[in-house]
N, C-alpha and C. Protein backbone atom coordinates (compact mmCIF):
# COMPACT_ATOMS: atom_id res chain seq x y z
N MET A 1 -39.82 -29.42 28.30
CA MET A 1 -38.40 -29.39 28.58
C MET A 1 -37.70 -30.59 27.97
N ALA A 2 -38.30 -31.73 28.07
CA ALA A 2 -37.71 -32.95 27.54
C ALA A 2 -37.58 -32.87 26.02
N THR A 3 -38.56 -32.28 25.35
CA THR A 3 -38.47 -32.18 23.89
C THR A 3 -37.35 -31.26 23.46
N LEU A 4 -37.14 -30.17 24.14
CA LEU A 4 -36.03 -29.27 23.82
C LEU A 4 -34.69 -29.92 24.09
N LEU A 5 -34.63 -30.72 25.13
CA LEU A 5 -33.39 -31.41 25.46
C LEU A 5 -33.02 -32.39 24.36
N VAL A 6 -33.98 -33.13 23.88
CA VAL A 6 -33.73 -34.10 22.81
C VAL A 6 -33.30 -33.37 21.55
N GLN A 7 -34.00 -32.30 21.19
CA GLN A 7 -33.64 -31.54 19.98
C GLN A 7 -32.26 -30.91 20.11
N GLY A 8 -31.96 -30.38 21.27
CA GLY A 8 -30.66 -29.76 21.50
C GLY A 8 -29.53 -30.76 21.41
N LEU A 9 -29.74 -31.95 21.90
CA LEU A 9 -28.70 -32.98 21.88
C LEU A 9 -28.54 -33.61 20.50
N THR A 10 -29.59 -33.64 19.71
CA THR A 10 -29.51 -34.28 18.39
C THR A 10 -29.15 -33.30 17.28
N LEU A 11 -29.22 -32.01 17.53
CA LEU A 11 -28.94 -31.02 16.49
C LEU A 11 -27.53 -31.14 15.91
N PRO A 12 -26.47 -31.23 16.72
CA PRO A 12 -25.13 -31.37 16.14
C PRO A 12 -25.02 -32.61 15.24
N TRP A 13 -25.63 -33.71 15.67
CA TRP A 13 -25.59 -34.93 14.86
C TRP A 13 -26.31 -34.71 13.53
N LEU A 14 -27.47 -34.05 13.57
CA LEU A 14 -28.27 -33.80 12.37
C LEU A 14 -27.54 -32.87 11.41
N VAL A 15 -26.91 -31.85 11.93
CA VAL A 15 -26.14 -30.91 11.10
C VAL A 15 -25.01 -31.66 10.40
N GLY A 16 -24.31 -32.50 11.14
CA GLY A 16 -23.23 -33.29 10.55
C GLY A 16 -23.74 -34.26 9.51
N LYS A 17 -24.85 -34.90 9.77
CA LYS A 17 -25.44 -35.88 8.86
C LYS A 17 -25.89 -35.21 7.56
N LEU A 18 -26.48 -34.04 7.68
CA LEU A 18 -26.97 -33.32 6.50
C LEU A 18 -25.86 -32.58 5.76
N GLY A 19 -24.71 -32.44 6.40
CA GLY A 19 -23.59 -31.75 5.76
C GLY A 19 -23.78 -30.24 5.67
N VAL A 20 -24.53 -29.69 6.57
CA VAL A 20 -24.76 -28.24 6.57
C VAL A 20 -23.49 -27.54 7.03
N ARG A 21 -23.03 -26.63 6.21
CA ARG A 21 -21.81 -25.89 6.54
C ARG A 21 -22.05 -24.41 6.28
N ALA A 22 -21.43 -23.61 7.06
CA ALA A 22 -21.50 -22.15 6.85
C ALA A 22 -20.59 -21.79 5.69
N ASP A 23 -21.04 -20.89 4.86
CA ASP A 23 -20.22 -20.44 3.74
C ASP A 23 -19.51 -19.16 4.15
N SER A 24 -18.70 -19.29 5.18
CA SER A 24 -18.09 -18.10 5.78
C SER A 24 -17.08 -17.43 4.86
N GLY A 25 -16.43 -18.19 3.98
CA GLY A 25 -15.46 -17.60 3.06
C GLY A 25 -16.12 -16.61 2.11
N ARG A 26 -17.22 -17.03 1.50
CA ARG A 26 -17.93 -16.14 0.59
C ARG A 26 -18.56 -14.97 1.33
N GLU A 27 -19.07 -15.24 2.52
CA GLU A 27 -19.65 -14.16 3.32
C GLU A 27 -18.59 -13.13 3.67
N LYS A 28 -17.42 -13.61 4.06
CA LYS A 28 -16.32 -12.71 4.44
C LYS A 28 -15.90 -11.87 3.23
N GLU A 29 -15.79 -12.51 2.06
CA GLU A 29 -15.41 -11.80 0.85
C GLU A 29 -16.45 -10.74 0.48
N PHE A 30 -17.72 -11.10 0.59
CA PHE A 30 -18.80 -10.15 0.30
C PHE A 30 -18.77 -8.99 1.28
N GLU A 31 -18.54 -9.31 2.54
CA GLU A 31 -18.45 -8.28 3.57
C GLU A 31 -17.29 -7.32 3.26
N HIS A 32 -16.16 -7.88 2.83
CA HIS A 32 -14.99 -7.07 2.47
C HIS A 32 -15.33 -6.16 1.29
N ASP A 33 -15.97 -6.73 0.27
CA ASP A 33 -16.36 -5.92 -0.89
C ASP A 33 -17.31 -4.79 -0.51
N LEU A 34 -18.25 -5.09 0.37
CA LEU A 34 -19.17 -4.05 0.83
C LEU A 34 -18.44 -2.97 1.62
N ALA A 35 -17.46 -3.37 2.41
CA ALA A 35 -16.67 -2.39 3.17
C ALA A 35 -15.92 -1.46 2.23
N VAL A 36 -15.34 -2.03 1.17
CA VAL A 36 -14.63 -1.21 0.18
C VAL A 36 -15.60 -0.24 -0.49
N ARG A 37 -16.75 -0.75 -0.88
CA ARG A 37 -17.75 0.10 -1.53
C ARG A 37 -18.22 1.22 -0.59
N ALA A 38 -18.44 0.89 0.67
CA ALA A 38 -18.89 1.89 1.64
C ALA A 38 -17.83 2.98 1.82
N ALA A 39 -16.58 2.57 1.94
CA ALA A 39 -15.49 3.55 2.12
C ALA A 39 -15.36 4.43 0.88
N ARG A 40 -15.46 3.82 -0.31
CA ARG A 40 -15.37 4.61 -1.55
C ARG A 40 -16.53 5.60 -1.66
N ALA A 41 -17.73 5.15 -1.29
CA ALA A 41 -18.89 6.04 -1.34
C ALA A 41 -18.70 7.22 -0.38
N ALA A 42 -18.17 6.95 0.80
CA ALA A 42 -17.93 8.02 1.77
C ALA A 42 -16.88 9.00 1.23
N LYS A 43 -15.82 8.48 0.60
CA LYS A 43 -14.79 9.36 0.03
C LYS A 43 -15.35 10.17 -1.13
N ARG A 44 -16.16 9.52 -1.96
CA ARG A 44 -16.77 10.21 -3.09
C ARG A 44 -17.66 11.36 -2.61
N ARG A 45 -18.43 11.10 -1.57
CA ARG A 45 -19.31 12.14 -1.02
C ARG A 45 -18.48 13.28 -0.42
N LEU A 46 -17.38 12.95 0.22
CA LEU A 46 -16.50 13.98 0.76
C LEU A 46 -15.97 14.87 -0.37
N ARG A 47 -15.57 14.27 -1.50
CA ARG A 47 -15.10 15.08 -2.63
C ARG A 47 -16.20 16.00 -3.15
N GLU A 48 -17.42 15.48 -3.20
CA GLU A 48 -18.55 16.31 -3.64
C GLU A 48 -18.74 17.50 -2.70
N ILE A 49 -18.66 17.24 -1.42
CA ILE A 49 -18.82 18.32 -0.43
C ILE A 49 -17.69 19.33 -0.58
N GLU A 50 -16.47 18.85 -0.81
CA GLU A 50 -15.31 19.74 -0.96
C GLU A 50 -15.45 20.63 -2.20
N GLU A 51 -16.14 20.15 -3.23
CA GLU A 51 -16.34 20.97 -4.42
C GLU A 51 -17.27 22.15 -4.13
N VAL A 52 -18.20 21.95 -3.21
CA VAL A 52 -19.19 22.99 -2.89
C VAL A 52 -18.71 23.88 -1.75
N GLU A 53 -18.12 23.26 -0.73
CA GLU A 53 -17.68 23.99 0.46
C GLU A 53 -16.16 24.06 0.49
N ASP A 54 -15.67 25.12 1.08
CA ASP A 54 -14.23 25.29 1.24
C ASP A 54 -13.84 24.76 2.62
N LEU A 55 -13.51 23.47 2.68
CA LEU A 55 -13.13 22.86 3.95
C LEU A 55 -11.66 23.12 4.24
N PRO A 56 -11.32 23.40 5.48
CA PRO A 56 -9.90 23.52 5.83
C PRO A 56 -9.19 22.18 5.55
N GLU A 57 -7.94 22.26 5.15
CA GLU A 57 -7.18 21.06 4.78
C GLU A 57 -7.15 20.04 5.92
N GLU A 58 -6.98 20.53 7.14
CA GLU A 58 -6.92 19.64 8.30
C GLU A 58 -8.23 18.86 8.46
N LEU A 59 -9.36 19.56 8.30
CA LEU A 59 -10.66 18.91 8.42
C LEU A 59 -10.87 17.92 7.27
N SER A 60 -10.45 18.31 6.09
CA SER A 60 -10.58 17.44 4.93
C SER A 60 -9.80 16.13 5.12
N GLU A 61 -8.58 16.24 5.63
CA GLU A 61 -7.77 15.04 5.89
C GLU A 61 -8.40 14.18 6.98
N GLN A 62 -8.94 14.82 8.00
CA GLN A 62 -9.59 14.09 9.09
C GLN A 62 -10.82 13.34 8.55
N MET A 63 -11.59 13.98 7.70
CA MET A 63 -12.77 13.34 7.13
C MET A 63 -12.39 12.20 6.18
N LEU A 64 -11.27 12.36 5.48
CA LEU A 64 -10.79 11.29 4.60
C LEU A 64 -10.41 10.06 5.42
N ARG A 65 -9.73 10.28 6.54
CA ARG A 65 -9.39 9.16 7.44
C ARG A 65 -10.66 8.53 8.00
N SER A 66 -11.64 9.37 8.28
CA SER A 66 -12.91 8.87 8.80
C SER A 66 -13.62 7.99 7.77
N ALA A 67 -13.54 8.38 6.50
CA ALA A 67 -14.14 7.57 5.43
C ALA A 67 -13.46 6.21 5.36
N PHE A 68 -12.15 6.19 5.50
CA PHE A 68 -11.41 4.92 5.51
C PHE A 68 -11.81 4.10 6.73
N ASP A 69 -11.96 4.76 7.87
CA ASP A 69 -12.34 4.06 9.10
C ASP A 69 -13.71 3.40 8.99
N ILE A 70 -14.59 3.99 8.19
CA ILE A 70 -15.91 3.38 7.98
C ILE A 70 -15.73 1.98 7.42
N GLY A 71 -14.89 1.85 6.42
CA GLY A 71 -14.63 0.54 5.82
C GLY A 71 -13.93 -0.40 6.77
N VAL A 72 -12.98 0.12 7.54
CA VAL A 72 -12.21 -0.73 8.47
C VAL A 72 -13.11 -1.26 9.57
N ARG A 73 -14.07 -0.46 10.02
CA ARG A 73 -14.99 -0.94 11.06
C ARG A 73 -15.84 -2.10 10.54
N ILE A 74 -16.19 -2.05 9.26
CA ILE A 74 -16.98 -3.13 8.67
C ILE A 74 -16.10 -4.37 8.46
N SER A 75 -14.92 -4.16 7.88
CA SER A 75 -14.01 -5.27 7.59
C SER A 75 -12.60 -4.87 7.99
N PRO A 76 -12.12 -5.33 9.14
CA PRO A 76 -10.78 -4.97 9.60
C PRO A 76 -9.67 -5.36 8.62
N ASP A 77 -9.95 -6.30 7.72
CA ASP A 77 -8.95 -6.68 6.72
C ASP A 77 -8.57 -5.52 5.81
N LEU A 78 -9.44 -4.52 5.71
CA LEU A 78 -9.14 -3.36 4.88
C LEU A 78 -7.87 -2.65 5.33
N ALA A 79 -7.65 -2.59 6.62
CA ALA A 79 -6.45 -1.94 7.14
C ALA A 79 -5.21 -2.69 6.67
N GLU A 80 -5.27 -4.01 6.68
CA GLU A 80 -4.14 -4.82 6.21
C GLU A 80 -3.94 -4.63 4.71
N ASP A 81 -5.03 -4.57 3.96
CA ASP A 81 -4.93 -4.32 2.51
C ASP A 81 -4.27 -2.97 2.25
N GLU A 82 -4.68 -1.98 3.01
CA GLU A 82 -4.12 -0.63 2.86
C GLU A 82 -2.63 -0.61 3.18
N ARG A 83 -2.25 -1.34 4.23
CA ARG A 83 -0.84 -1.41 4.62
C ARG A 83 -0.02 -2.07 3.52
N ARG A 84 -0.55 -3.16 2.95
CA ARG A 84 0.16 -3.86 1.87
C ARG A 84 0.32 -2.96 0.65
N GLU A 85 -0.74 -2.24 0.29
CA GLU A 85 -0.68 -1.36 -0.86
C GLU A 85 0.32 -0.22 -0.63
N ALA A 86 0.33 0.34 0.56
CA ALA A 86 1.29 1.40 0.89
C ALA A 86 2.72 0.86 0.79
N HIS A 87 2.93 -0.38 1.23
CA HIS A 87 4.25 -1.00 1.15
C HIS A 87 4.65 -1.18 -0.32
N ARG A 88 3.72 -1.63 -1.15
CA ARG A 88 4.02 -1.80 -2.59
C ARG A 88 4.37 -0.46 -3.23
N GLN A 89 3.64 0.58 -2.88
CA GLN A 89 3.92 1.90 -3.44
C GLN A 89 5.29 2.41 -3.01
N ARG A 90 5.63 2.20 -1.73
CA ARG A 90 6.96 2.61 -1.25
C ARG A 90 8.05 1.84 -1.98
N ALA A 91 7.85 0.55 -2.19
CA ALA A 91 8.84 -0.27 -2.88
C ALA A 91 9.01 0.20 -4.33
N ARG A 92 7.90 0.50 -5.01
CA ARG A 92 7.99 1.00 -6.39
C ARG A 92 8.72 2.33 -6.44
N ARG A 93 8.40 3.21 -5.50
CA ARG A 93 9.05 4.53 -5.46
C ARG A 93 10.54 4.38 -5.21
N LEU A 94 10.90 3.53 -4.25
CA LEU A 94 12.31 3.31 -3.93
C LEU A 94 13.06 2.74 -5.14
N LYS A 95 12.44 1.81 -5.85
CA LYS A 95 13.06 1.23 -7.04
C LYS A 95 13.29 2.31 -8.10
N ARG A 96 12.30 3.18 -8.25
CA ARG A 96 12.43 4.27 -9.23
C ARG A 96 13.54 5.24 -8.83
N VAL A 97 13.58 5.60 -7.55
CA VAL A 97 14.62 6.52 -7.06
C VAL A 97 16.00 5.92 -7.29
N ARG A 98 16.16 4.64 -6.97
CA ARG A 98 17.47 4.00 -7.17
C ARG A 98 17.86 3.96 -8.64
N GLY A 99 16.90 3.71 -9.51
CA GLY A 99 17.19 3.72 -10.94
C GLY A 99 17.65 5.09 -11.42
N ILE A 100 16.99 6.13 -10.95
CA ILE A 100 17.38 7.49 -11.33
C ILE A 100 18.77 7.81 -10.79
N GLN A 101 19.03 7.40 -9.54
CA GLN A 101 20.36 7.64 -8.96
C GLN A 101 21.45 6.93 -9.77
N ARG A 102 21.17 5.69 -10.20
CA ARG A 102 22.16 4.96 -11.01
C ARG A 102 22.44 5.70 -12.32
N GLU A 103 21.37 6.18 -12.95
CA GLU A 103 21.55 6.92 -14.20
C GLU A 103 22.34 8.21 -13.98
N MET A 104 22.08 8.90 -12.87
CA MET A 104 22.81 10.13 -12.57
C MET A 104 24.29 9.85 -12.35
N LEU A 105 24.58 8.79 -11.56
CA LEU A 105 25.98 8.45 -11.32
C LEU A 105 26.68 8.00 -12.60
N SER A 106 25.96 7.30 -13.45
CA SER A 106 26.54 6.88 -14.73
C SER A 106 26.89 8.10 -15.58
N ALA A 107 25.99 9.08 -15.62
CA ALA A 107 26.27 10.31 -16.38
C ALA A 107 27.47 11.04 -15.78
N ALA A 108 27.56 11.06 -14.45
CA ALA A 108 28.69 11.72 -13.79
C ALA A 108 29.99 11.01 -14.15
N ARG A 109 30.00 9.67 -14.13
CA ARG A 109 31.21 8.92 -14.50
C ARG A 109 31.63 9.20 -15.93
N HIS A 110 30.66 9.19 -16.85
CA HIS A 110 30.98 9.46 -18.25
C HIS A 110 31.60 10.84 -18.42
N GLU A 111 31.05 11.80 -17.70
CA GLU A 111 31.59 13.17 -17.80
C GLU A 111 33.03 13.23 -17.28
N VAL A 112 33.27 12.57 -16.14
CA VAL A 112 34.63 12.58 -15.56
C VAL A 112 35.59 11.84 -16.49
N LEU A 113 35.15 10.72 -17.05
CA LEU A 113 36.01 9.98 -17.99
C LEU A 113 36.29 10.81 -19.24
N ALA A 114 35.31 11.57 -19.70
CA ALA A 114 35.53 12.44 -20.86
C ALA A 114 36.53 13.53 -20.52
N ALA A 115 36.51 14.01 -19.28
CA ALA A 115 37.44 15.06 -18.85
C ALA A 115 38.87 14.54 -18.83
N ARG A 116 39.05 13.24 -18.64
CA ARG A 116 40.40 12.65 -18.60
C ARG A 116 41.14 12.87 -19.92
N SER A 117 40.43 12.84 -21.03
CA SER A 117 41.09 12.98 -22.33
C SER A 117 41.30 14.44 -22.73
N GLU A 118 40.86 15.37 -21.90
CA GLU A 118 41.07 16.78 -22.20
C GLU A 118 42.52 17.17 -21.91
N ALA A 119 42.98 18.16 -22.64
CA ALA A 119 44.36 18.63 -22.45
C ALA A 119 44.51 19.22 -21.06
N GLY A 120 45.58 18.86 -20.38
CA GLY A 120 45.90 19.40 -19.06
C GLY A 120 45.18 18.70 -17.92
N ALA A 121 44.43 17.64 -18.20
CA ALA A 121 43.71 16.92 -17.14
C ALA A 121 44.70 16.04 -16.37
N ASP A 122 44.64 16.10 -15.07
CA ASP A 122 45.51 15.29 -14.21
C ASP A 122 44.83 13.93 -13.99
N PRO A 123 45.42 12.84 -14.48
CA PRO A 123 44.82 11.51 -14.35
C PRO A 123 44.60 11.09 -12.90
N GLU A 124 45.47 11.53 -12.00
CA GLU A 124 45.31 11.17 -10.59
C GLU A 124 44.05 11.80 -10.00
N VAL A 125 43.79 13.04 -10.36
CA VAL A 125 42.58 13.73 -9.87
C VAL A 125 41.34 13.04 -10.45
N VAL A 126 41.41 12.71 -11.73
CA VAL A 126 40.29 12.01 -12.37
C VAL A 126 40.02 10.68 -11.67
N ASP A 127 41.08 9.92 -11.39
CA ASP A 127 40.93 8.63 -10.70
C ASP A 127 40.33 8.82 -9.30
N ARG A 128 40.78 9.86 -8.61
CA ARG A 128 40.27 10.12 -7.27
C ARG A 128 38.76 10.45 -7.32
N VAL A 129 38.37 11.27 -8.28
CA VAL A 129 36.95 11.61 -8.44
C VAL A 129 36.14 10.37 -8.80
N LEU A 130 36.70 9.53 -9.67
CA LEU A 130 36.01 8.28 -10.03
C LEU A 130 35.83 7.37 -8.82
N ARG A 131 36.85 7.31 -7.97
CA ARG A 131 36.73 6.50 -6.75
C ARG A 131 35.62 7.04 -5.85
N HIS A 132 35.53 8.37 -5.74
CA HIS A 132 34.44 8.97 -4.96
C HIS A 132 33.07 8.57 -5.54
N LEU A 133 32.98 8.62 -6.85
CA LEU A 133 31.72 8.23 -7.49
C LEU A 133 31.43 6.74 -7.28
N ASP A 134 32.48 5.91 -7.34
CA ASP A 134 32.29 4.47 -7.12
C ASP A 134 31.83 4.19 -5.69
N VAL A 135 32.43 4.88 -4.73
CA VAL A 135 32.02 4.71 -3.33
C VAL A 135 30.57 5.16 -3.17
N ARG A 136 30.23 6.24 -3.81
CA ARG A 136 28.86 6.76 -3.74
C ARG A 136 27.87 5.75 -4.31
N SER A 137 28.26 5.07 -5.38
CA SER A 137 27.34 4.12 -6.01
C SER A 137 27.15 2.86 -5.16
N LEU A 138 28.07 2.58 -4.24
CA LEU A 138 27.95 1.41 -3.38
C LEU A 138 26.96 1.63 -2.25
N ARG A 139 26.64 2.86 -1.95
CA ARG A 139 25.73 3.16 -0.83
C ARG A 139 24.31 2.82 -1.16
């Protein structure tokens, strides 16, 4: 008992003296990489099964979520990575949609302005339509 007590009390000092440190950062990164690989392997296998069997769409989606959950159980950071990636995709899509809307409104303005120079065009109506388009572009 006395020998274990001495060893137990001196171990923290010895660890500090020797500079022994856990390499938890690299371990965590490796664990994350393995989680990604495991989830990808599960998804790949699901696709192989879907090629052979006709799975109902609901079951297929459930199994796809299950494949993702395999990785999340190993490394919970995967869920955060997935959330960030989904946010980036939504931001890219929104940027693209806004760009297309700007181009559409620009084409509409050009058409209305071209109509102003046509014979019989009422400038007040053209201005009113342009104001509607301008208000629309502010939204």
